[in-house]
Amino acid sequence: ASALTSHLPLFWPQIANTSWLGGDSDSDGGLHESTPYWLNGAVPLALQLDDPVLLPLVERYIDGILDRQTAEGWLGPDTDRADY
């Protein structure tokens, strides 16, 4: 957990300023996939290792995503609300 996984949000703009938390660095093309892919590996790693640095980091991302859930239940950014 002390390698790239826990440091990625410190230097990669698509994770650090993700649209999943209100940022805009991963909005090009409307994919918004970098943060979910990162969390897919970081959450299990943090929990399995009970890592004191990575756990609060992934918790901040998960809490931030859940706090932005729409009334309809939508999780995550949407570049075109006309899609639904």
N, C-alpha and C. Protein backbone atom coordinates (compact mmCIF):
# COMPACT_ATOMS: atom_id res chain seq x y z
N ALA A 1 0.82 -1.20 0.00
CA ALA A 1 0.00 0.00 0.00
C ALA A 1 0.86 1.26 0.00
N SER A 2 2.14 1.11 0.23
CA SER A 2 3.01 2.29 0.24
C SER A 2 3.59 2.59 -1.13
N ALA A 3 3.12 1.90 -2.13
CA ALA A 3 3.62 2.12 -3.49
C ALA A 3 2.65 3.00 -4.28
N LEU A 4 2.50 2.72 -5.54
CA LEU A 4 1.74 3.57 -6.46
C LEU A 4 0.28 3.73 -6.07
N THR A 5 -0.36 2.68 -5.60
CA THR A 5 -1.79 2.73 -5.33
C THR A 5 -2.16 3.85 -4.36
N SER A 6 -1.44 3.96 -3.27
CA SER A 6 -1.80 4.99 -2.28
C SER A 6 -1.30 6.38 -2.66
N HIS A 7 -0.40 6.46 -3.62
CA HIS A 7 0.13 7.76 -4.03
C HIS A 7 -0.52 8.31 -5.30
N LEU A 8 -1.26 7.50 -6.00
CA LEU A 8 -1.86 7.92 -7.27
C LEU A 8 -2.69 9.20 -7.15
N PRO A 9 -3.53 9.33 -6.13
CA PRO A 9 -4.32 10.56 -6.01
C PRO A 9 -3.48 11.81 -5.73
N LEU A 10 -2.23 11.64 -5.39
CA LEU A 10 -1.37 12.78 -5.08
C LEU A 10 -0.79 13.42 -6.33
N PHE A 11 -0.75 12.68 -7.44
CA PHE A 11 -0.12 13.25 -8.63
C PHE A 11 -0.88 13.05 -9.93
N TRP A 12 -1.84 12.16 -9.99
CA TRP A 12 -2.56 11.93 -11.24
C TRP A 12 -3.85 12.73 -11.22
N PRO A 13 -3.97 13.76 -12.05
CA PRO A 13 -5.14 14.65 -12.02
C PRO A 13 -6.47 13.93 -12.20
N GLN A 14 -6.51 12.87 -12.98
CA GLN A 14 -7.79 12.18 -13.21
C GLN A 14 -8.32 11.52 -11.95
N ILE A 15 -7.46 11.26 -10.99
CA ILE A 15 -7.90 10.73 -9.70
C ILE A 15 -8.01 11.87 -8.68
N ALA A 16 -7.02 12.73 -8.65
CA ALA A 16 -6.98 13.81 -7.65
C ALA A 16 -8.12 14.81 -7.82
N ASN A 17 -8.49 15.11 -9.05
CA ASN A 17 -9.54 16.10 -9.33
C ASN A 17 -10.67 15.44 -10.12
N THR A 18 -11.09 14.29 -9.66
CA THR A 18 -12.08 13.48 -10.37
C THR A 18 -13.48 14.09 -10.35
N SER A 19 -14.19 13.88 -11.42
CA SER A 19 -15.58 14.35 -11.49
C SER A 19 -16.48 13.57 -10.53
N TRP A 20 -16.03 12.43 -10.07
CA TRP A 20 -16.80 11.67 -9.08
C TRP A 20 -16.90 12.43 -7.76
N LEU A 21 -15.96 13.37 -7.55
CA LEU A 21 -15.98 14.18 -6.33
C LEU A 21 -16.20 15.65 -6.64
N GLY A 22 -16.72 15.94 -7.82
CA GLY A 22 -17.02 17.32 -8.17
C GLY A 22 -15.97 18.02 -9.01
N GLY A 23 -14.85 17.35 -9.29
CA GLY A 23 -13.80 17.95 -10.12
C GLY A 23 -14.13 17.84 -11.60
N ASP A 24 -13.15 18.15 -12.43
CA ASP A 24 -13.41 18.13 -13.87
C ASP A 24 -12.27 17.56 -14.71
N SER A 25 -11.26 16.99 -14.07
CA SER A 25 -10.09 16.57 -14.85
C SER A 25 -10.32 15.31 -15.67
N ASP A 26 -11.36 14.54 -15.38
CA ASP A 26 -11.61 13.31 -16.14
C ASP A 26 -12.89 13.40 -16.97
N SER A 27 -13.28 14.60 -17.34
CA SER A 27 -14.54 14.79 -18.05
C SER A 27 -14.40 14.67 -19.57
N ASP A 28 -13.19 14.63 -20.09
CA ASP A 28 -13.00 14.51 -21.53
C ASP A 28 -13.58 13.20 -22.05
N GLY A 29 -14.48 13.30 -22.98
CA GLY A 29 -15.08 12.11 -23.57
C GLY A 29 -16.19 11.49 -22.77
N GLY A 30 -16.43 11.98 -21.57
CA GLY A 30 -17.54 11.49 -20.77
C GLY A 30 -17.38 10.10 -20.19
N LEU A 31 -16.14 9.57 -20.10
CA LEU A 31 -15.97 8.21 -19.60
C LEU A 31 -15.91 8.12 -18.09
N HIS A 32 -15.20 9.01 -17.44
CA HIS A 32 -15.13 9.06 -15.98
C HIS A 32 -14.73 7.72 -15.36
N GLU A 33 -13.84 6.97 -16.00
CA GLU A 33 -13.58 5.61 -15.54
C GLU A 33 -12.33 5.45 -14.67
N SER A 34 -11.47 6.43 -14.62
CA SER A 34 -10.22 6.28 -13.88
C SER A 34 -10.44 6.04 -12.39
N THR A 35 -11.29 6.81 -11.77
CA THR A 35 -11.52 6.67 -10.34
C THR A 35 -12.15 5.33 -9.97
N PRO A 36 -13.19 4.85 -10.67
CA PRO A 36 -13.73 3.53 -10.32
C PRO A 36 -12.70 2.41 -10.50
N TYR A 37 -11.89 2.49 -11.54
CA TYR A 37 -10.85 1.47 -11.73
C TYR A 37 -9.83 1.52 -10.61
N TRP A 38 -9.45 2.72 -10.22
CA TRP A 38 -8.50 2.86 -9.11
C TRP A 38 -9.11 2.32 -7.82
N LEU A 39 -10.35 2.70 -7.53
CA LEU A 39 -11.02 2.22 -6.32
C LEU A 39 -11.20 0.70 -6.32
N ASN A 40 -11.39 0.12 -7.49
CA ASN A 40 -11.56 -1.32 -7.61
C ASN A 40 -10.35 -2.07 -7.04
N GLY A 41 -9.19 -1.47 -7.13
CA GLY A 41 -8.00 -2.09 -6.55
C GLY A 41 -7.65 -1.54 -5.19
N ALA A 42 -7.86 -0.24 -4.98
CA ALA A 42 -7.44 0.40 -3.75
C ALA A 42 -8.29 0.00 -2.54
N VAL A 43 -9.59 -0.16 -2.73
CA VAL A 43 -10.45 -0.50 -1.59
C VAL A 43 -10.10 -1.88 -1.01
N PRO A 44 -10.05 -2.95 -1.83
CA PRO A 44 -9.68 -4.24 -1.25
C PRO A 44 -8.27 -4.24 -0.64
N LEU A 45 -7.34 -3.54 -1.29
CA LEU A 45 -5.98 -3.47 -0.75
C LEU A 45 -5.97 -2.80 0.61
N ALA A 46 -6.66 -1.68 0.73
CA ALA A 46 -6.71 -0.95 2.00
C ALA A 46 -7.34 -1.80 3.10
N LEU A 47 -8.41 -2.50 2.77
CA LEU A 47 -9.10 -3.32 3.77
C LEU A 47 -8.29 -4.56 4.15
N GLN A 48 -7.71 -5.21 3.18
CA GLN A 48 -6.94 -6.43 3.48
C GLN A 48 -5.70 -6.13 4.31
N LEU A 49 -5.07 -5.00 4.03
CA LEU A 49 -3.86 -4.65 4.78
C LEU A 49 -4.14 -3.81 6.02
N ASP A 50 -5.40 -3.34 6.14
CA ASP A 50 -5.77 -2.44 7.24
C ASP A 50 -4.78 -1.28 7.31
N ASP A 51 -4.51 -0.71 6.13
CA ASP A 51 -3.47 0.30 5.98
C ASP A 51 -3.92 1.64 6.54
N PRO A 52 -3.17 2.24 7.47
CA PRO A 52 -3.59 3.49 8.12
C PRO A 52 -3.55 4.71 7.20
N VAL A 53 -2.86 4.64 6.08
CA VAL A 53 -2.82 5.75 5.13
C VAL A 53 -3.87 5.57 4.04
N LEU A 54 -3.95 4.38 3.50
CA LEU A 54 -4.84 4.12 2.37
C LEU A 54 -6.31 4.04 2.80
N LEU A 55 -6.60 3.50 3.97
CA LEU A 55 -8.00 3.39 4.43
C LEU A 55 -8.71 4.74 4.48
N PRO A 56 -8.15 5.75 5.12
CA PRO A 56 -8.85 7.05 5.13
C PRO A 56 -8.97 7.67 3.74
N LEU A 57 -8.00 7.40 2.89
CA LEU A 57 -8.03 7.94 1.54
C LEU A 57 -9.20 7.35 0.75
N VAL A 58 -9.33 6.03 0.74
CA VAL A 58 -10.44 5.42 -0.01
C VAL A 58 -11.78 5.73 0.65
N GLU A 59 -11.79 5.86 1.96
CA GLU A 59 -13.02 6.22 2.66
C GLU A 59 -13.50 7.60 2.23
N ARG A 60 -12.56 8.53 2.06
CA ARG A 60 -12.92 9.88 1.60
C ARG A 60 -13.54 9.82 0.21
N TYR A 61 -12.99 9.00 -0.67
CA TYR A 61 -13.54 8.88 -2.02
C TYR A 61 -14.92 8.21 -1.99
N ILE A 62 -15.06 7.13 -1.25
CA ILE A 62 -16.35 6.42 -1.18
C ILE A 62 -17.42 7.33 -0.56
N ASP A 63 -17.09 7.99 0.54
CA ASP A 63 -18.04 8.90 1.18
C ASP A 63 -18.43 10.03 0.23
N GLY A 64 -17.46 10.58 -0.47
CA GLY A 64 -17.73 11.66 -1.41
C GLY A 64 -18.64 11.23 -2.55
N ILE A 65 -18.44 10.03 -3.04
CA ILE A 65 -19.30 9.50 -4.12
C ILE A 65 -20.71 9.29 -3.60
N LEU A 66 -20.84 8.67 -2.44
CA LEU A 66 -22.17 8.42 -1.88
C LEU A 66 -22.89 9.71 -1.50
N ASP A 67 -22.15 10.71 -1.07
CA ASP A 67 -22.75 12.01 -0.73
C ASP A 67 -23.33 12.71 -1.96
N ARG A 68 -22.86 12.37 -3.15
CA ARG A 68 -23.31 13.02 -4.38
C ARG A 68 -24.38 12.21 -5.13
N GLN A 69 -24.89 11.17 -4.50
CA GLN A 69 -25.94 10.37 -5.14
C GLN A 69 -27.17 11.24 -5.37
N THR A 70 -27.75 11.11 -6.57
CA THR A 70 -28.94 11.90 -6.90
C THR A 70 -30.18 11.31 -6.24
N ALA A 71 -31.26 12.07 -6.25
CA ALA A 71 -32.53 11.61 -5.68
C ALA A 71 -33.04 10.36 -6.40
N GLU A 72 -32.68 10.23 -7.68
CA GLU A 72 -33.10 9.06 -8.46
C GLU A 72 -32.24 7.83 -8.17
N GLY A 73 -31.18 8.02 -7.40
CA GLY A 73 -30.30 6.91 -7.06
C GLY A 73 -29.03 6.84 -7.90
N TRP A 74 -28.87 7.77 -8.85
CA TRP A 74 -27.71 7.75 -9.73
C TRP A 74 -26.43 8.01 -8.94
N LEU A 75 -25.44 7.16 -9.15
CA LEU A 75 -24.11 7.35 -8.57
C LEU A 75 -23.14 7.70 -9.68
N GLY A 76 -22.37 8.72 -9.47
CA GLY A 76 -21.35 9.07 -10.46
C GLY A 76 -21.73 10.25 -11.31
N PRO A 77 -20.73 10.77 -12.00
CA PRO A 77 -20.96 11.94 -12.85
C PRO A 77 -21.73 11.57 -14.11
N ASP A 78 -22.41 12.54 -14.65
CA ASP A 78 -23.11 12.34 -15.92
C ASP A 78 -22.91 13.60 -16.75
N THR A 79 -22.35 13.43 -17.92
CA THR A 79 -22.07 14.59 -18.76
C THR A 79 -23.29 15.04 -19.54
N ASP A 80 -24.29 14.19 -19.68
CA ASP A 80 -25.49 14.55 -20.44
C ASP A 80 -26.73 14.04 -19.73
N ARG A 81 -27.37 14.91 -18.99
CA ARG A 81 -28.54 14.49 -18.20
C ARG A 81 -29.72 14.12 -19.09
N ALA A 82 -29.67 14.43 -20.38
CA ALA A 82 -30.75 14.05 -21.30
C ALA A 82 -30.74 12.54 -21.58
N ASP A 83 -29.68 11.86 -21.16
CA ASP A 83 -29.58 10.41 -21.40
C ASP A 83 -30.61 9.62 -20.60
N TYR A 84 -31.13 10.21 -19.53
CA TYR A 84 -32.08 9.46 -18.71
C TYR A 84 -33.28 10.29 -18.37
